[in-house]
Amino acid sequence: MVKREVLSSEGSLMVVKVQIKKGFEGDTDQHPEEQLSYIEKGQVEFEVNGQKNILSASETQYIPSNEKHRVRVIEDCVIIDIFTPIRQDLLK
């Protein structure tokens, strides 16, 4: 249901393209990297530290370092995630 492609990982920034199918509900995640998610296509619900936001194409969600968050996909979507510093776990 989830396909990730690292587009760039240079300097202290990482850009990842994520394609997720409708109906996907992610587990709660938490990581030291800051994250900015740009919704390229579709509709998703982000829950960040207990606050829910429904986002559509061209909208963004900022996730601070170590903040608990999760995603629920309302429509098939494409998300461009930007992390700083680079998430080493996504390079493996």
Protein backbone atom coordinates (compact mmCIF):
# COMPACT_ATOMS: atom_id res chain seq x y z
CA MET A 1 0.00 0.00 0.00
CA VAL A 2 3.04 2.27 0.45
CA LYS A 3 5.81 2.89 -2.08
CA ARG A 4 8.77 5.14 -1.20
CA GLU A 5 11.42 6.57 -3.51
CA VAL A 6 14.32 8.66 -2.21
CA LEU A 7 14.66 11.52 -4.72
CA SER A 8 17.58 13.26 -3.03
CA SER A 9 19.72 12.97 0.09
CA GLU A 10 22.38 15.65 -0.02
CA GLY A 11 23.78 17.93 2.67
CA SER A 12 21.34 17.86 5.56
CA LEU A 13 18.17 17.45 3.46
CA MET A 14 16.31 14.43 2.18
CA VAL A 15 13.41 14.41 -0.31
CA VAL A 16 11.23 11.30 -0.52
CA LYS A 17 8.29 10.62 -2.85
CA VAL A 18 5.65 8.48 -1.14
CA GLN A 19 2.71 6.87 -2.95
CA ILE A 20 0.00 5.53 -0.65
CA LYS A 21 -3.26 3.76 -1.45
CA LYS A 22 -6.68 4.78 -0.13
CA GLY A 23 -7.54 3.14 3.19
CA PHE A 24 -3.98 3.02 4.55
CA GLU A 25 -3.71 3.90 8.23
CA GLY A 26 -0.20 4.33 9.53
CA ASP A 27 1.05 3.48 12.98
CA THR A 28 2.09 6.33 15.24
CA ASP A 29 5.57 7.46 14.20
CA GLN A 30 8.16 9.59 15.96
CA HIS A 31 11.68 10.51 14.81
CA PRO A 32 14.30 13.18 15.59
CA GLU A 33 14.23 14.61 12.05
CA GLU A 34 11.97 17.57 11.21
CA GLN A 35 9.53 16.76 8.41
CA LEU A 36 7.57 18.80 5.88
CA SER A 37 5.00 16.88 3.84
CA TYR A 38 3.68 18.35 0.57
CA ILE A 39 0.53 16.71 -0.80
CA GLU A 40 1.06 16.40 -4.55
CA LYS A 41 -2.11 14.37 -5.20
CA GLY A 42 -5.02 12.95 -3.21
CA GLN A 43 -6.29 13.58 0.30
CA VAL A 44 -4.87 12.52 3.66
CA GLU A 45 -5.51 13.09 7.32
CA PHE A 46 -2.44 13.88 9.39
CA GLU A 47 -2.60 13.59 13.16
CA VAL A 48 0.25 15.46 14.83
CA ASN A 49 0.43 15.40 18.63
CA GLY A 50 -3.30 14.60 18.81
CA GLN A 51 -4.42 17.34 16.38
CA LYS A 52 -6.01 16.13 13.12
CA ASN A 53 -5.79 18.00 9.79
CA ILE A 54 -7.25 16.91 6.46
CA LEU A 55 -5.01 17.97 3.59
CA SER A 56 -5.52 17.96 -0.18
CA ALA A 57 -3.27 18.60 -3.19
CA SER A 58 -0.88 21.57 -2.80
CA GLU A 59 -1.19 21.72 1.00
CA THR A 60 1.60 21.05 3.50
CA GLN A 61 2.02 19.62 6.98
CA TYR A 62 4.98 20.46 9.23
CA ILE A 63 6.02 17.88 11.82
CA PRO A 64 8.52 19.05 14.46
CA SER A 65 11.37 16.91 15.72
CA ASN A 66 10.26 14.03 17.99
CA GLU A 67 6.54 14.87 17.59
CA LYS A 68 4.22 11.85 17.54
CA HIS A 69 2.28 11.67 14.26
CA ARG A 70 0.32 9.36 11.99
CA VAL A 71 -1.45 9.42 8.65
CA ARG A 72 -4.75 8.08 7.31
CA VAL A 73 -5.24 8.08 3.54
CA ILE A 74 -8.66 9.24 2.34
CA GLU A 75 -7.85 9.13 -1.43
CA ASP A 76 -4.89 7.53 -3.20
CA CYS A 77 -2.13 10.06 -2.71
CA VAL A 78 1.36 11.15 -3.59
CA ILE A 79 3.27 12.95 -0.85
CA ILE A 80 6.65 14.64 -1.13
CA ASP A 81 8.35 14.40 2.27
CA ILE A 82 11.30 16.60 3.14
CA PHE A 83 13.42 15.67 6.15
CA THR A 84 16.25 17.41 7.94
CA PRO A 85 18.65 15.98 8.83
CA ILE A 86 18.61 12.97 6.51
CA ARG A 87 16.68 9.94 7.81
CA GLN A 88 19.27 7.20 7.69
CA ASP A 89 16.61 4.50 8.19
CA LEU A 90 15.04 5.40 4.83
CA LEU A 91 18.35 4.90 2.99
CA LYS A 92 18.44 1.19 3.87
